[in-house]
Amino acid sequence: MNTEIIAGLFERDLKKLRDEIRQYPSDESLWVQLPGTINTGGNLCQHLIGNLRTYVGLALGQVHYVRNRDAEFAERLFTQTALLEELDQLLPIVMKSVESLSEAQLEAEYPRNVLDMFANQTTALVLTHLLTHLSYHLGQINYHRRWISAV
């Protein structure tokens, strides 16, 4: 897998995430908890921003970021407008961080002091994991937004 493919998939899904957040009918609707669920669309978006700013932007692109993972799930850190602005800032950070990687860097071990999940933890494997994580939560946000919009 090369950086062009990885960057293209991140770009696609981050644009979809932005579109989902934009389509929420109101700021308040982002934070409605659906019966039988734990996380709201707003919390999941905050989580994805923190996740990608940390594991891609900070670890691979050296873009300063201080994460508060607990707050991503427990607090309303951003309004709908602010989430859209955060996503607008996130996309070029992720793109530049991924596109700047060489094939050798993709095959090198991802820093274990940042994330330690896999026995053979190449940067390509971690980026693939982060893409599937983004897609998983994007699907949850899509479901949440559609349910909220139908009410």
N, C-alpha and C. Protein backbone atom coordinates (compact mmCIF):
# COMPACT_ATOMS: atom_id res chain seq x y z
N MET A 1 0.85 -1.17 0.00
CA MET A 1 0.00 0.00 0.00
C MET A 1 0.90 1.23 0.00
N ASN A 2 0.54 2.22 -0.83
CA ASN A 2 1.38 3.41 -0.89
C ASN A 2 0.67 4.62 -0.30
N THR A 3 1.42 5.68 -0.13
CA THR A 3 0.87 6.87 0.52
C THR A 3 -0.25 7.51 -0.29
N GLU A 4 -0.20 7.39 -1.59
CA GLU A 4 -1.26 7.97 -2.43
C GLU A 4 -2.61 7.32 -2.13
N ILE A 5 -2.61 6.01 -2.00
CA ILE A 5 -3.85 5.29 -1.69
C ILE A 5 -4.34 5.65 -0.28
N ILE A 6 -3.44 5.62 0.68
CA ILE A 6 -3.81 5.93 2.07
C ILE A 6 -4.34 7.36 2.17
N ALA A 7 -3.62 8.30 1.60
CA ALA A 7 -4.05 9.71 1.65
C ALA A 7 -5.39 9.89 0.96
N GLY A 8 -5.59 9.21 -0.17
CA GLY A 8 -6.87 9.31 -0.88
C GLY A 8 -8.04 8.81 -0.06
N LEU A 9 -7.83 7.73 0.66
CA LEU A 9 -8.91 7.19 1.51
C LEU A 9 -9.18 8.10 2.70
N PHE A 10 -8.13 8.65 3.32
CA PHE A 10 -8.35 9.61 4.40
C PHE A 10 -9.10 10.82 3.88
N GLU A 11 -8.70 11.33 2.73
CA GLU A 11 -9.36 12.51 2.17
C GLU A 11 -10.85 12.23 1.92
N ARG A 12 -11.14 11.09 1.31
CA ARG A 12 -12.53 10.71 1.04
C ARG A 12 -13.36 10.68 2.31
N ASP A 13 -12.87 9.97 3.32
CA ASP A 13 -13.67 9.78 4.52
C ASP A 13 -13.73 11.03 5.40
N LEU A 14 -12.67 11.83 5.42
CA LEU A 14 -12.75 13.08 6.19
C LEU A 14 -13.71 14.07 5.54
N LYS A 15 -13.78 14.07 4.22
CA LYS A 15 -14.77 14.91 3.54
C LYS A 15 -16.19 14.42 3.81
N LYS A 16 -16.37 13.10 3.85
CA LYS A 16 -17.68 12.54 4.20
C LYS A 16 -18.05 12.89 5.63
N LEU A 17 -17.07 12.82 6.54
CA LEU A 17 -17.32 13.18 7.93
C LEU A 17 -17.77 14.63 8.03
N ARG A 18 -17.08 15.51 7.34
CA ARG A 18 -17.44 16.93 7.35
C ARG A 18 -18.87 17.11 6.83
N ASP A 19 -19.20 16.40 5.76
CA ASP A 19 -20.55 16.51 5.18
C ASP A 19 -21.61 16.00 6.16
N GLU A 20 -21.31 14.92 6.87
CA GLU A 20 -22.26 14.41 7.87
C GLU A 20 -22.51 15.45 8.97
N ILE A 21 -21.44 16.03 9.49
CA ILE A 21 -21.58 17.02 10.56
C ILE A 21 -22.35 18.24 10.06
N ARG A 22 -22.06 18.65 8.83
CA ARG A 22 -22.76 19.80 8.24
C ARG A 22 -24.26 19.54 8.10
N GLN A 23 -24.65 18.29 7.86
CA GLN A 23 -26.05 17.96 7.62
C GLN A 23 -26.89 17.84 8.90
N TYR A 24 -26.28 17.87 10.06
CA TYR A 24 -27.09 17.83 11.29
C TYR A 24 -28.00 19.06 11.29
N PRO A 25 -29.26 18.88 11.68
CA PRO A 25 -30.21 20.00 11.60
C PRO A 25 -29.94 21.15 12.56
N SER A 26 -29.19 20.89 13.62
CA SER A 26 -28.89 21.95 14.59
C SER A 26 -27.67 21.55 15.41
N ASP A 27 -27.13 22.53 16.10
CA ASP A 27 -26.02 22.24 16.99
C ASP A 27 -26.46 21.25 18.08
N GLU A 28 -27.61 21.48 18.63
CA GLU A 28 -28.11 20.63 19.72
C GLU A 28 -28.30 19.17 19.28
N SER A 29 -28.68 18.98 18.02
CA SER A 29 -28.94 17.62 17.53
C SER A 29 -27.68 16.74 17.52
N LEU A 30 -26.52 17.35 17.44
CA LEU A 30 -25.26 16.59 17.48
C LEU A 30 -25.07 15.86 18.81
N TRP A 31 -25.71 16.34 19.84
CA TRP A 31 -25.45 15.87 21.20
C TRP A 31 -26.58 15.04 21.79
N VAL A 32 -27.57 14.69 20.96
CA VAL A 32 -28.68 13.86 21.42
C VAL A 32 -28.22 12.41 21.49
N GLN A 33 -28.42 11.80 22.65
CA GLN A 33 -28.04 10.40 22.82
C GLN A 33 -29.22 9.53 22.44
N LEU A 34 -29.01 8.63 21.50
CA LEU A 34 -30.07 7.73 21.07
C LEU A 34 -30.25 6.60 22.08
N PRO A 35 -31.48 6.11 22.23
CA PRO A 35 -31.72 4.99 23.15
C PRO A 35 -30.82 3.79 22.79
N GLY A 36 -30.20 3.22 23.80
CA GLY A 36 -29.37 2.04 23.61
C GLY A 36 -27.97 2.34 23.10
N THR A 37 -27.61 3.61 22.99
CA THR A 37 -26.27 3.97 22.53
C THR A 37 -25.53 4.73 23.62
N ILE A 38 -24.24 4.83 23.47
CA ILE A 38 -23.40 5.52 24.45
C ILE A 38 -22.96 6.88 23.94
N ASN A 39 -22.57 6.94 22.66
CA ASN A 39 -21.95 8.14 22.12
C ASN A 39 -22.85 8.88 21.16
N THR A 40 -22.75 10.19 21.18
CA THR A 40 -23.48 11.04 20.24
C THR A 40 -22.62 11.30 19.01
N GLY A 41 -23.24 11.84 17.97
CA GLY A 41 -22.48 12.20 16.78
C GLY A 41 -21.39 13.22 17.09
N GLY A 42 -21.71 14.18 17.95
CA GLY A 42 -20.72 15.20 18.33
C GLY A 42 -19.53 14.60 19.05
N ASN A 43 -19.81 13.70 20.00
CA ASN A 43 -18.71 13.06 20.73
C ASN A 43 -17.85 12.19 19.81
N LEU A 44 -18.48 11.48 18.89
CA LEU A 44 -17.71 10.65 17.98
C LEU A 44 -16.83 11.50 17.05
N CYS A 45 -17.36 12.63 16.60
CA CYS A 45 -16.56 13.52 15.76
C CYS A 45 -15.38 14.09 16.54
N GLN A 46 -15.63 14.53 17.78
CA GLN A 46 -14.54 15.02 18.62
C GLN A 46 -13.47 13.94 18.80
N HIS A 47 -13.92 12.71 18.99
CA HIS A 47 -13.00 11.58 19.17
C HIS A 47 -12.15 11.35 17.92
N LEU A 48 -12.76 11.40 16.76
CA LEU A 48 -12.01 11.20 15.52
C LEU A 48 -10.99 12.32 15.31
N ILE A 49 -11.36 13.53 15.63
CA ILE A 49 -10.43 14.65 15.51
C ILE A 49 -9.23 14.42 16.43
N GLY A 50 -9.49 14.09 17.69
CA GLY A 50 -8.40 13.85 18.64
C GLY A 50 -7.53 12.67 18.23
N ASN A 51 -8.17 11.62 17.76
CA ASN A 51 -7.46 10.41 17.33
C ASN A 51 -6.52 10.71 16.17
N LEU A 52 -7.01 11.36 15.15
CA LEU A 52 -6.19 11.61 13.96
C LEU A 52 -5.17 12.72 14.19
N ARG A 53 -5.51 13.72 14.99
CA ARG A 53 -4.52 14.76 15.30
C ARG A 53 -3.35 14.14 16.08
N THR A 54 -3.65 13.15 16.94
CA THR A 54 -2.61 12.51 17.75
C THR A 54 -1.80 11.51 16.95
N TYR A 55 -2.47 10.53 16.34
CA TYR A 55 -1.77 9.39 15.74
C TYR A 55 -1.25 9.63 14.33
N VAL A 56 -1.76 10.67 13.66
CA VAL A 56 -1.25 11.01 12.33
C VAL A 56 -0.53 12.35 12.40
N GLY A 57 -1.24 13.40 12.79
CA GLY A 57 -0.66 14.74 12.79
C GLY A 57 0.52 14.90 13.71
N LEU A 58 0.37 14.50 14.96
CA LEU A 58 1.45 14.64 15.93
C LEU A 58 2.56 13.61 15.70
N ALA A 59 2.18 12.33 15.64
CA ALA A 59 3.18 11.26 15.57
C ALA A 59 3.93 11.22 14.24
N LEU A 60 3.23 11.49 13.15
CA LEU A 60 3.87 11.36 11.84
C LEU A 60 4.21 12.71 11.20
N GLY A 61 3.42 13.73 11.49
CA GLY A 61 3.64 15.03 10.86
C GLY A 61 4.28 16.06 11.77
N GLN A 62 4.47 15.69 13.04
CA GLN A 62 5.06 16.59 14.03
C GLN A 62 4.28 17.90 14.16
N VAL A 63 2.95 17.83 14.05
CA VAL A 63 2.07 18.98 14.24
C VAL A 63 1.61 18.94 15.69
N HIS A 64 1.96 19.96 16.45
CA HIS A 64 1.68 20.00 17.88
C HIS A 64 0.19 19.78 18.16
N TYR A 65 -0.07 18.93 19.17
CA TYR A 65 -1.45 18.69 19.60
C TYR A 65 -1.40 18.08 21.00
N VAL A 66 -2.28 18.53 21.86
CA VAL A 66 -2.42 17.96 23.20
C VAL A 66 -3.82 17.37 23.28
N ARG A 67 -3.88 16.07 23.48
CA ARG A 67 -5.16 15.36 23.46
C ARG A 67 -5.72 15.18 24.86
N ASN A 68 -7.05 15.31 24.94
CA ASN A 68 -7.78 14.97 26.16
C ASN A 68 -8.86 13.97 25.74
N ARG A 69 -8.49 12.70 25.66
CA ARG A 69 -9.39 11.66 25.15
C ARG A 69 -10.67 11.55 25.98
N ASP A 70 -10.55 11.64 27.27
CA ASP A 70 -11.74 11.54 28.12
C ASP A 70 -12.76 12.63 27.79
N ALA A 71 -12.28 13.84 27.55
CA ALA A 71 -13.17 14.95 27.24
C ALA A 71 -13.87 14.75 25.89
N GLU A 72 -13.23 14.05 24.97
CA GLU A 72 -13.85 13.80 23.66
C GLU A 72 -15.19 13.08 23.82
N PHE A 73 -15.30 12.25 24.83
CA PHE A 73 -16.52 11.49 25.05
C PHE A 73 -17.43 12.10 26.12
N ALA A 74 -16.87 12.87 27.03
CA ALA A 74 -17.63 13.35 28.18
C ALA A 74 -18.10 14.80 28.08
N GLU A 75 -17.54 15.55 27.14
CA GLU A 75 -17.85 16.98 27.08
C GLU A 75 -18.22 17.41 25.67
N ARG A 76 -18.86 18.56 25.60
CA ARG A 76 -19.10 19.23 24.32
C ARG A 76 -17.98 20.24 24.15
N LEU A 77 -16.95 19.83 23.46
CA LEU A 77 -15.79 20.69 23.28
C LEU A 77 -16.01 21.73 22.19
N PHE A 78 -16.88 21.41 21.23
CA PHE A 78 -17.06 22.26 20.06
C PHE A 78 -18.54 22.41 19.71
N THR A 79 -18.86 23.52 19.09
CA THR A 79 -20.17 23.69 18.46
C THR A 79 -20.12 23.01 17.09
N GLN A 80 -21.24 22.95 16.42
CA GLN A 80 -21.27 22.39 15.07
C GLN A 80 -20.34 23.18 14.15
N THR A 81 -20.40 24.49 14.22
CA THR A 81 -19.52 25.33 13.40
C THR A 81 -18.06 25.07 13.74
N ALA A 82 -17.75 24.96 15.01
CA ALA A 82 -16.36 24.72 15.42
C ALA A 82 -15.89 23.33 14.99
N LEU A 83 -16.77 22.33 15.03
CA LEU A 83 -16.39 20.99 14.54
C LEU A 83 -16.04 21.07 13.06
N LEU A 84 -16.82 21.79 12.29
CA LEU A 84 -16.54 21.93 10.85
C LEU A 84 -15.20 22.63 10.64
N GLU A 85 -14.91 23.64 11.44
CA GLU A 85 -13.62 24.34 11.35
C GLU A 85 -12.47 23.41 11.73
N GLU A 86 -12.67 22.61 12.78
CA GLU A 86 -11.65 21.64 13.18
C GLU A 86 -11.38 20.62 12.07
N LEU A 87 -12.45 20.16 11.43
CA LEU A 87 -12.28 19.21 10.33
C LEU A 87 -11.58 19.85 9.15
N ASP A 88 -11.86 21.14 8.90
CA ASP A 88 -11.17 21.86 7.82
C ASP A 88 -9.68 21.98 8.11
N GLN A 89 -9.31 22.09 9.38
CA GLN A 89 -7.89 22.14 9.76
C GLN A 89 -7.26 20.75 9.74
N LEU A 90 -8.05 19.75 10.09
CA LEU A 90 -7.53 18.38 10.18
C LEU A 90 -7.16 17.80 8.82
N LEU A 91 -7.97 18.02 7.82
CA LEU A 91 -7.73 17.41 6.52
C LEU A 91 -6.34 17.70 5.98
N PRO A 92 -5.90 18.97 5.88
CA PRO A 92 -4.54 19.19 5.36
C PRO A 92 -3.44 18.64 6.27
N ILE A 93 -3.68 18.58 7.57
CA ILE A 93 -2.69 18.00 8.48
C ILE A 93 -2.49 16.52 8.17
N VAL A 94 -3.61 15.80 8.03
CA VAL A 94 -3.54 14.37 7.72
C VAL A 94 -2.92 14.15 6.35
N MET A 95 -3.37 14.92 5.37
CA MET A 95 -2.86 14.74 4.01
C MET A 95 -1.36 14.97 3.94
N LYS A 96 -0.90 16.07 4.50
CA LYS A 96 0.54 16.38 4.45
C LYS A 96 1.35 15.34 5.22
N SER A 97 0.83 14.93 6.38
CA SER A 97 1.55 13.94 7.20
C SER A 97 1.69 12.61 6.46
N VAL A 98 0.64 12.17 5.80
CA VAL A 98 0.68 10.89 5.09
C VAL A 98 1.46 11.01 3.79
N GLU A 99 1.20 12.04 3.03
CA GLU A 99 1.85 12.19 1.72
C GLU A 99 3.37 12.37 1.83
N SER A 100 3.83 12.86 2.97
CA SER A 100 5.27 13.08 3.14
C SER A 100 6.03 11.80 3.49
N LEU A 101 5.32 10.71 3.77
CA LEU A 101 5.98 9.46 4.14
C LEU A 101 6.54 8.74 2.92
N SER A 102 7.74 8.22 3.07
CA SER A 102 8.34 7.40 2.02
C SER A 102 7.86 5.95 2.19
N GLU A 103 8.12 5.15 1.17
CA GLU A 103 7.78 3.72 1.26
C GLU A 103 8.53 3.08 2.44
N ALA A 104 9.77 3.48 2.65
CA ALA A 104 10.55 2.94 3.76
C ALA A 104 9.92 3.32 5.10
N GLN A 105 9.42 4.54 5.21
CA GLN A 105 8.76 4.97 6.45
C GLN A 105 7.45 4.21 6.66
N LEU A 106 6.73 3.92 5.59
CA LEU A 106 5.49 3.13 5.72
C LEU A 106 5.78 1.73 6.26
N GLU A 107 6.89 1.16 5.86
CA GLU A 107 7.25 -0.19 6.30
C GLU A 107 7.99 -0.21 7.63
N ALA A 108 8.41 0.95 8.11
CA ALA A 108 9.10 1.03 9.41
C ALA A 108 8.10 0.87 10.54
N GLU A 109 8.61 0.55 11.71
CA GLU A 109 7.76 0.39 12.88
C GLU A 109 7.18 1.73 13.31
N TYR A 110 5.87 1.75 13.54
CA TYR A 110 5.20 2.92 14.10
C TYR A 110 5.65 3.06 15.55
N PRO A 111 5.88 4.27 16.03
CA PRO A 111 6.42 4.46 17.39
C PRO A 111 5.54 3.82 18.48
N ARG A 112 6.10 2.85 19.17
CA ARG A 112 5.35 2.16 20.23
C ARG A 112 5.06 3.04 21.43
N ASN A 113 5.84 4.09 21.63
CA ASN A 113 5.55 5.00 22.73
C ASN A 113 4.31 5.84 22.45
N VAL A 114 3.85 5.86 21.21
CA VAL A 114 2.63 6.58 20.83
C VAL A 114 1.44 5.63 20.83
N LEU A 115 1.62 4.46 20.23
CA LEU A 115 0.56 3.47 20.11
C LEU A 115 1.20 2.09 20.05
N ASP A 116 0.73 1.17 20.87
CA ASP A 116 1.29 -0.17 20.91
C ASP A 116 0.13 -1.16 20.82
N MET A 117 -0.20 -1.57 19.58
CA MET A 117 -1.37 -2.42 19.37
C MET A 117 -1.07 -3.76 18.69
N PHE A 118 -0.02 -3.79 17.88
CA PHE A 118 0.21 -4.95 17.03
C PHE A 118 1.63 -5.47 17.21
N ALA A 119 1.78 -6.78 17.06
CA ALA A 119 3.12 -7.37 17.18
C ALA A 119 4.06 -6.82 16.11
N ASN A 120 3.63 -6.85 14.87
CA ASN A 120 4.42 -6.31 13.75
C ASN A 120 3.75 -5.00 13.34
N GLN A 121 4.11 -3.95 14.00
CA GLN A 121 3.39 -2.68 13.92
C GLN A 121 4.06 -1.70 12.94
N THR A 122 3.84 -1.92 11.67
CA THR A 122 4.39 -0.98 10.69
C THR A 122 3.50 0.26 10.66
N THR A 123 4.06 1.34 10.15
CA THR A 123 3.27 2.56 9.99
C THR A 123 2.10 2.31 9.04
N ALA A 124 2.32 1.55 7.99
CA ALA A 124 1.24 1.23 7.06
C ALA A 124 0.10 0.49 7.76
N LEU A 125 0.43 -0.45 8.63
CA LEU A 125 -0.60 -1.18 9.36
C LEU A 125 -1.37 -0.25 10.29
N VAL A 126 -0.69 0.63 11.01
CA VAL A 126 -1.37 1.55 11.91
C VAL A 126 -2.24 2.51 11.12
N LEU A 127 -1.76 3.00 9.99
CA LEU A 127 -2.59 3.89 9.16
C LEU A 127 -3.83 3.16 8.63
N THR A 128 -3.67 1.90 8.27
CA THR A 128 -4.82 1.11 7.83
C THR A 128 -5.81 0.94 8.98
N HIS A 129 -5.31 0.68 10.16
CA HIS A 129 -6.17 0.60 11.34
C HIS A 129 -6.90 1.92 11.57
N LEU A 130 -6.19 3.03 11.47
CA LEU A 130 -6.81 4.34 11.68
C LEU A 130 -7.87 4.63 10.62
N LEU A 131 -7.65 4.18 9.40
CA LEU A 131 -8.67 4.34 8.35
C LEU A 131 -9.92 3.54 8.66
N THR A 132 -9.76 2.31 9.11
CA THR A 132 -10.94 1.50 9.44
C THR A 132 -11.65 2.06 10.66
N HIS A 133 -10.90 2.60 11.61
CA HIS A 133 -11.48 3.25 12.79
C HIS A 133 -12.30 4.47 12.36
N LEU A 134 -11.76 5.27 11.47
CA LEU A 134 -12.48 6.44 10.94
C LEU A 134 -13.76 6.00 10.24
N SER A 135 -13.66 4.98 9.40
CA SER A 135 -14.83 4.51 8.66
C SER A 135 -15.90 3.94 9.59
N TYR A 136 -15.48 3.22 10.61
CA TYR A 136 -16.42 2.65 11.58
C TYR A 136 -17.23 3.75 12.26
N HIS A 137 -16.52 4.75 12.78
CA HIS A 137 -17.23 5.83 13.47
C HIS A 137 -17.99 6.72 12.50
N LEU A 138 -17.53 6.86 11.27
CA LEU A 138 -18.26 7.61 10.26
C LEU A 138 -19.63 6.95 10.02
N GLY A 139 -19.66 5.64 9.98
CA GLY A 139 -20.93 4.92 9.83
C GLY A 139 -21.85 5.15 11.02
N GLN A 140 -21.29 5.16 12.22
CA GLN A 140 -22.10 5.44 13.41
C GLN A 140 -22.67 6.86 13.36
N ILE A 141 -21.86 7.81 12.94
CA ILE A 141 -22.31 9.20 12.84
C ILE A 141 -23.40 9.32 11.79
N ASN A 142 -23.24 8.64 10.67
CA ASN A 142 -24.25 8.66 9.62
C ASN A 142 -25.58 8.14 10.15
N TYR A 143 -25.55 7.02 10.87
CA TYR A 143 -26.76 6.45 11.45
C TYR A 143 -27.39 7.43 12.44
N HIS A 144 -26.57 7.98 13.32
CA HIS A 144 -27.05 8.93 14.32
C HIS A 144 -27.71 10.13 13.64
N ARG A 145 -27.04 10.69 12.66
CA ARG A 145 -27.58 11.88 11.98
C ARG A 145 -28.90 11.57 11.26
N ARG A 146 -28.97 10.42 10.61
CA ARG A 146 -30.20 10.07 9.92
C ARG A 146 -31.36 9.87 10.89
N TRP A 147 -31.07 9.24 12.02
CA TRP A 147 -32.10 9.01 13.03
C TRP A 147 -32.57 10.34 13.60
N ILE A 148 -31.62 11.21 13.94
CA ILE A 148 -31.96 12.51 14.51
C ILE A 148 -32.72 13.36 13.50
N SER A 149 -32.33 13.31 12.24
CA SER A 149 -32.96 14.12 11.20
C SER A 149 -34.37 13.65 10.88
N ALA A 150 -34.65 12.38 11.16
CA ALA A 150 -35.98 11.83 10.86
C ALA A 150 -36.99 12.14 11.97
N VAL A 151 -36.51 12.54 13.13
CA VAL A 151 -37.40 12.80 14.28
C VAL A 151 -38.17 14.08 14.07
